[in-house]
Amino acid sequence: MAQPPPDVAEDHCLPEYRHLFCPDLLRDKVAFITGGGSGIGFRIAEIFMRHGCHTVIASRSLLRVSTAAKKLATATGQRCLPLSIDVRAPATIMAAVDQALKDFNKIDILVNCAAGNFLCPASTLSFNAFRTVMEIDTIGTFNVSRVLYEKFFQDHGGVIVNITATLGNRGQVLQVHAGSAKAAVDAMTRHLAVEWGPQNIRVNSLAPGPISGTEGFRRLGGPQAIMSTQVLGSPLQRLGNKTEVAHSALYLASPLASYVTGTVLVVDGGVWLTAANNIKRLADFELFSAKL
């Protein structure tokens, strides 16, 4: 069985990196990555940069992306521009894209990685909480894609990679908000791939499973015993790591995937095929909520 590539748990660059793809696969390309200041987005930025790409990393926290940009530029020798945006506010996206185009003169790749999630039964999920996740994940993905299309991709082509999930494939408990939002993004991927393909724009989704060293895993993974049972019962019998997800994003963003569009690449070691849906966990959450 193939061993996973090295990774680090925190939002730090890899101390060592061995290229599995051609080192100049993305030479002189520019990638705009939302949610690029931490977690999977941070590692995608790093792996892209280690293959010759310059990046723009954007999130609501300018401090977070500024700190991340310094780490990324020092480790890779490539340029990294940190920008503050709110994917729910088109005006902030327009301003950020204008700044990126001013600095780099082009944007070749968009990675929509900004997301919000938490565990909650549908019966106690507030209207505002459901709307907020939909606004960040679904509407935010459309907003950034739409702005990039108008300002650059329409005339020059480009690649869009939407980071989604498999939550909606079978109705995961405690995840109606995130599962609905990500399922909508996967549908959006197909629609945009069809409509924008004639402008030489490829659009794909990438759906990670349980990934170690991420805020999502720390918040959503649950008790160690539950995760151990699920992981050991999955086909590859282990967690994935951020470098593996980044390599998959690299493939979709690169010329290696030049004839791939409108698809969802699942990167979860087969977990979604075998992991049990934990109905007892739902009951425990509802009991806890009733006591509050």
Protein backbone atom coordinates (compact mmCIF):
# COMPACT_ATOMS: atom_id res chain seq x y z
CA MET A 1 0.00 0.00 0.00
CA ALA A 2 1.36 3.43 -0.94
CA GLN A 3 2.52 5.52 1.99
CA PRO A 4 1.13 9.04 2.39
CA PRO A 5 3.52 11.95 1.71
CA PRO A 6 4.94 13.78 4.75
CA ASP A 7 2.82 16.46 6.35
CA VAL A 8 2.78 18.65 9.46
CA ALA A 9 -0.25 19.20 11.65
CA GLU A 10 0.04 22.95 12.16
CA ASP A 11 -0.18 25.73 9.59
CA HIS A 12 3.52 25.57 8.84
CA CYS A 13 5.33 24.74 5.63
CA LEU A 14 6.77 21.28 5.14
CA PRO A 15 10.37 21.04 6.40
CA GLU A 16 11.19 18.83 3.40
CA TYR A 17 9.37 18.23 0.13
CA ARG A 18 9.91 15.60 -2.57
CA HIS A 19 8.36 16.43 -5.92
CA LEU A 20 6.07 13.71 -7.25
CA PHE A 21 5.04 15.98 -10.12
CA CYS A 22 7.34 17.98 -12.40
CA PRO A 23 8.77 20.84 -10.27
CA ASP A 24 7.82 23.48 -12.85
CA LEU A 25 4.31 22.14 -13.49
CA LEU A 26 2.76 25.53 -12.64
CA ARG A 27 5.72 27.74 -13.49
CA ASP A 28 4.73 31.44 -13.68
CA LYS A 29 1.06 30.67 -13.09
CA VAL A 30 -0.92 32.73 -10.56
CA ALA A 31 -3.47 31.14 -8.23
CA PHE A 32 -6.13 32.97 -6.20
CA ILE A 33 -6.97 30.86 -3.14
CA THR A 34 -9.77 31.73 -0.73
CA GLY A 35 -9.29 30.34 2.76
CA GLY A 36 -5.58 30.12 1.94
CA GLY A 37 -4.34 31.23 5.33
CA SER A 38 -4.85 27.93 7.14
CA GLY A 39 -5.59 24.23 6.85
CA ILE A 40 -6.08 22.68 3.45
CA GLY A 41 -6.00 26.06 1.71
CA PHE A 42 -2.58 26.83 3.19
CA ARG A 43 -1.15 23.50 2.04
CA ILE A 44 -2.62 23.91 -1.45
CA ALA A 45 -0.92 27.30 -1.68
CA GLU A 46 2.38 25.79 -0.56
CA ILE A 47 2.27 22.85 -2.99
CA PHE A 48 1.30 25.12 -5.88
CA MET A 49 4.19 27.44 -5.00
CA ARG A 50 6.63 24.53 -4.80
CA HIS A 51 5.67 23.85 -8.41
CA GLY A 52 6.47 27.36 -9.63
CA CYS A 53 3.16 29.13 -8.98
CA HIS A 54 2.69 32.56 -7.44
CA THR A 55 -0.33 32.83 -5.15
CA VAL A 56 -2.86 35.22 -3.73
CA ILE A 57 -4.28 33.97 -0.43
CA ALA A 58 -7.44 35.64 0.80
CA SER A 59 -9.63 35.44 3.88
CA ARG A 60 -11.47 37.71 6.30
CA SER A 61 -8.46 37.86 8.63
CA LEU A 62 -5.69 39.93 7.06
CA LEU A 63 -3.42 39.08 9.99
CA ARG A 64 -3.83 35.35 9.36
CA VAL A 65 -3.11 35.51 5.64
CA SER A 66 -0.24 37.98 6.13
CA THR A 67 1.43 35.59 8.58
CA ALA A 68 0.82 32.68 6.23
CA ALA A 69 2.16 34.57 3.21
CA LYS A 70 5.48 35.22 4.92
CA LYS A 71 5.87 31.53 5.74
CA LEU A 72 4.96 30.47 2.21
CA ALA A 73 7.24 32.93 0.44
CA THR A 74 10.19 32.07 2.69
CA ALA A 75 9.78 28.32 2.20
CA THR A 76 9.21 28.35 -1.56
CA GLY A 77 10.87 31.45 -2.97
CA GLN A 78 7.67 32.35 -4.82
CA ARG A 79 5.53 35.46 -4.40
CA CYS A 80 2.49 35.31 -2.13
CA LEU A 81 0.08 38.23 -1.83
CA PRO A 82 -2.19 38.28 1.26
CA LEU A 83 -5.55 40.01 0.88
CA SER A 84 -8.59 40.46 3.09
CA ILE A 85 -11.98 39.54 1.62
CA ASP A 86 -15.40 38.40 2.74
CA VAL A 87 -16.69 35.95 0.13
CA ARG A 88 -20.23 37.00 1.07
CA ALA A 89 -19.51 40.62 0.04
CA PRO A 90 -18.91 41.01 -3.73
CA ALA A 91 -17.41 44.50 -3.31
CA THR A 92 -14.54 43.10 -1.22
CA ILE A 93 -13.93 40.36 -3.79
CA MET A 94 -13.81 42.87 -6.64
CA ALA A 95 -11.32 45.01 -4.77
CA ALA A 96 -9.12 41.99 -3.98
CA VAL A 97 -9.17 40.69 -7.56
CA ASP A 98 -8.33 44.16 -8.87
CA GLN A 99 -5.35 44.30 -6.49
CA ALA A 100 -4.20 40.83 -7.54
CA LEU A 101 -4.40 41.74 -11.22
CA LYS A 102 -2.52 44.96 -10.52
CA ASP A 103 0.29 43.00 -8.84
CA PHE A 104 0.44 39.97 -11.16
CA ASN A 105 -1.33 41.09 -14.36
CA LYS A 106 -3.21 37.79 -14.52
CA ILE A 107 -4.90 35.02 -12.54
CA ASP A 108 -4.77 31.52 -13.99
CA ILE A 109 -6.30 29.42 -11.21
CA LEU A 110 -9.04 29.94 -8.64
CA VAL A 111 -9.35 27.64 -5.63
CA ASN A 112 -12.56 28.18 -3.65
CA CYS A 113 -11.59 26.88 -0.21
CA ALA A 114 -13.36 29.30 2.15
CA ALA A 115 -15.91 27.42 4.27
CA GLY A 116 -17.75 27.33 7.57
CA ASN A 117 -18.95 24.27 9.48
CA PHE A 118 -19.89 22.83 12.87
CA LEU A 119 -21.91 19.89 14.18
CA CYS A 120 -25.61 20.48 14.87
CA PRO A 121 -28.88 18.54 14.57
CA ALA A 122 -31.27 19.98 11.99
CA SER A 123 -33.94 20.23 14.71
CA THR A 124 -31.90 22.76 16.71
CA LEU A 125 -30.05 24.49 13.87
CA SER A 126 -30.96 28.17 13.83
CA PHE A 127 -32.21 29.84 10.68
CA ASN A 128 -29.29 32.24 10.81
CA ALA A 129 -26.70 29.47 11.21
CA PHE A 130 -28.02 27.57 8.17
CA ARG A 131 -28.07 30.76 6.10
CA THR A 132 -24.54 31.71 7.15
CA VAL A 133 -23.04 28.39 6.02
CA MET A 134 -24.91 28.60 2.72
CA GLU A 135 -23.68 32.16 2.24
CA ILE A 136 -20.04 31.30 2.89
CA ASP A 137 -19.81 27.95 1.11
CA THR A 138 -22.30 28.19 -1.75
CA ILE A 139 -22.94 31.85 -2.41
CA GLY A 140 -19.31 32.69 -1.63
CA THR A 141 -18.11 30.16 -4.21
CA PHE A 142 -20.40 31.69 -6.83
CA ASN A 143 -19.42 35.25 -5.90
CA VAL A 144 -15.69 34.69 -6.28
CA SER A 145 -16.09 32.60 -9.44
CA ARG A 146 -18.37 35.20 -10.99
CA VAL A 147 -15.97 38.07 -10.25
CA LEU A 148 -12.97 36.15 -11.64
CA TYR A 149 -14.98 35.29 -14.75
CA GLU A 150 -15.92 38.90 -15.39
CA LYS A 151 -12.53 40.41 -14.64
CA PHE A 152 -10.21 37.88 -16.29
CA PHE A 153 -11.33 34.33 -17.10
CA GLN A 154 -13.93 35.34 -19.70
CA ASP A 155 -11.26 36.66 -22.05
CA HIS A 156 -8.24 34.55 -21.03
CA GLY A 157 -9.56 31.17 -19.83
CA GLY A 158 -8.72 29.66 -16.48
CA VAL A 159 -9.19 26.84 -14.00
CA ILE A 160 -11.54 26.69 -11.01
CA VAL A 161 -11.21 24.09 -8.24
CA ASN A 162 -14.04 24.06 -5.68
CA ILE A 163 -13.27 22.34 -2.37
CA THR A 164 -16.43 20.46 -1.37
CA ALA A 165 -17.29 17.27 0.58
CA THR A 166 -19.19 13.99 0.37
CA LEU A 167 -21.55 14.86 3.24
CA GLY A 168 -24.62 15.16 1.04
CA ASN A 169 -24.09 11.88 -0.80
CA ARG A 170 -25.95 9.88 1.84
CA GLY A 171 -27.31 12.44 4.29
CA GLN A 172 -24.70 12.71 7.03
CA VAL A 173 -26.13 13.30 10.52
CA LEU A 174 -25.48 16.70 12.13
CA GLN A 175 -24.43 18.18 8.78
CA VAL A 176 -27.58 19.31 6.95
CA HIS A 177 -26.17 22.84 6.59
CA ALA A 178 -22.71 21.92 5.27
CA GLY A 179 -23.94 18.93 3.27
CA SER A 180 -26.57 21.05 1.52
CA ALA A 181 -24.09 23.83 0.84
CA LYS A 182 -21.41 21.55 -0.61
CA ALA A 183 -23.92 19.56 -2.68
CA ALA A 184 -25.05 22.86 -4.18
CA VAL A 185 -21.45 23.72 -5.02
CA ASP A 186 -21.00 20.37 -6.79
CA ALA A 187 -24.10 21.18 -8.88
CA MET A 188 -22.66 24.64 -9.53
CA THR A 189 -19.44 23.02 -10.70
CA ARG A 190 -21.33 21.12 -13.38
CA HIS A 191 -23.35 24.13 -14.51
CA LEU A 192 -20.32 26.41 -14.76
CA ALA A 193 -18.27 23.73 -16.52
CA VAL A 194 -20.95 23.54 -19.22
CA GLU A 195 -21.53 27.29 -19.58
CA TRP A 196 -17.92 28.44 -19.33
CA GLY A 197 -16.21 25.59 -21.16
CA PRO A 198 -16.35 27.45 -24.51
CA GLN A 199 -14.25 30.21 -22.93
CA ASN A 200 -11.57 27.60 -22.11
CA ILE A 201 -12.49 27.54 -18.42
CA ARG A 202 -12.33 24.20 -16.62
CA VAL A 203 -14.36 23.81 -13.40
CA ASN A 204 -14.04 20.84 -11.04
CA SER A 205 -14.81 19.94 -7.43
CA LEU A 206 -12.44 18.25 -5.01
CA ALA A 207 -14.10 16.47 -2.06
CA PRO A 208 -11.72 15.58 0.80
CA GLY A 209 -12.61 13.09 3.54
CA PRO A 210 -11.27 13.06 7.13
CA ILE A 211 -7.99 14.99 6.89
CA SER A 212 -5.59 15.14 9.83
CA GLY A 213 -4.15 18.42 11.03
CA THR A 214 -7.13 20.54 10.01
CA GLU A 215 -9.53 22.66 12.05
CA GLY A 216 -12.39 20.79 10.44
CA PHE A 217 -11.12 17.45 11.71
CA ARG A 218 -10.53 18.83 15.20
CA ARG A 219 -14.05 20.28 15.35
CA LEU A 220 -15.98 17.60 13.46
CA GLY A 221 -14.06 14.40 14.04
CA GLY A 222 -15.65 13.58 17.38
CA PRO A 223 -14.31 11.19 19.99
CA GLN A 224 -11.10 9.39 19.05
CA ALA A 225 -12.74 5.98 19.47
CA ILE A 226 -15.45 6.81 16.92
CA MET A 227 -12.96 8.10 14.35
CA SER A 228 -10.62 5.14 14.88
CA THR A 229 -13.48 2.73 14.15
CA GLN A 230 -14.50 4.62 11.01
CA VAL A 231 -10.95 4.97 9.69
CA LEU A 232 -9.96 1.35 10.37
CA GLY A 233 -13.15 0.21 8.64
CA SER A 234 -12.45 2.24 5.51
CA PRO A 235 -10.69 0.79 2.45
CA LEU A 236 -7.30 2.48 3.05
CA GLN A 237 -7.67 2.25 6.87
CA ARG A 238 -6.09 5.59 7.70
CA LEU A 239 -6.71 9.32 7.72
CA GLY A 240 -5.65 11.46 4.80
CA ASN A 241 -3.36 14.44 5.16
CA LYS A 242 -3.30 17.96 3.74
CA THR A 243 -0.45 17.24 1.33
CA GLU A 244 -2.48 14.49 -0.31
CA VAL A 245 -5.41 16.86 -0.83
CA ALA A 246 -3.04 19.52 -2.18
CA HIS A 247 -1.56 17.06 -4.67
CA SER A 248 -5.06 16.32 -5.93
CA ALA A 249 -5.77 20.04 -6.30
CA LEU A 250 -2.45 20.40 -8.12
CA TYR A 251 -3.53 17.73 -10.60
CA LEU A 252 -6.89 19.39 -11.28
CA ALA A 253 -5.31 22.83 -11.66
CA SER A 254 -2.50 21.68 -13.95
CA PRO A 255 -2.25 20.80 -17.65
CA LEU A 256 -2.30 17.13 -16.56
CA ALA A 257 -6.09 17.55 -16.23
CA SER A 258 -6.51 19.52 -19.46
CA TYR A 259 -9.51 17.41 -20.55
CA VAL A 260 -11.14 17.13 -17.11
CA THR A 261 -14.07 19.40 -16.30
CA GLY A 262 -17.42 19.23 -14.53
CA THR A 263 -16.42 16.38 -12.26
CA VAL A 264 -16.02 15.72 -8.53
CA LEU A 265 -12.73 14.15 -7.46
CA VAL A 266 -13.28 12.39 -4.11
CA VAL A 267 -10.12 12.24 -2.00
CA ASP A 268 -11.15 10.34 1.12
CA GLY A 269 -9.56 6.89 0.98
CA GLY A 270 -12.99 5.39 0.29
CA VAL A 271 -14.40 6.49 3.66
CA TRP A 272 -17.73 7.63 2.22
CA LEU A 273 -18.30 4.15 0.81
CA THR A 274 -17.89 2.28 4.08
CA ALA A 275 -18.19 4.53 7.17
CA ALA A 276 -21.33 4.03 9.25
CA ASN A 277 -23.72 6.95 9.72
CA ASN A 278 -23.69 7.48 13.47
CA ILE A 279 -27.36 7.81 14.43
CA LYS A 280 -26.51 7.40 18.14
CA ARG A 281 -24.35 10.49 17.90
CA LEU A 282 -27.39 12.41 16.65
CA ALA A 283 -29.42 11.22 19.64
CA ASP A 284 -26.63 12.27 22.02
CA PHE A 285 -26.54 15.76 20.49
CA GLU A 286 -30.30 16.15 20.72
CA LEU A 287 -30.25 15.05 24.36
CA PHE A 288 -27.49 17.54 25.10
CA SER A 289 -29.43 20.32 23.36
CA ALA A 290 -32.57 19.48 25.34
CA LYS A 291 -30.65 19.97 28.60
CA LEU A 292 -29.42 23.45 27.70
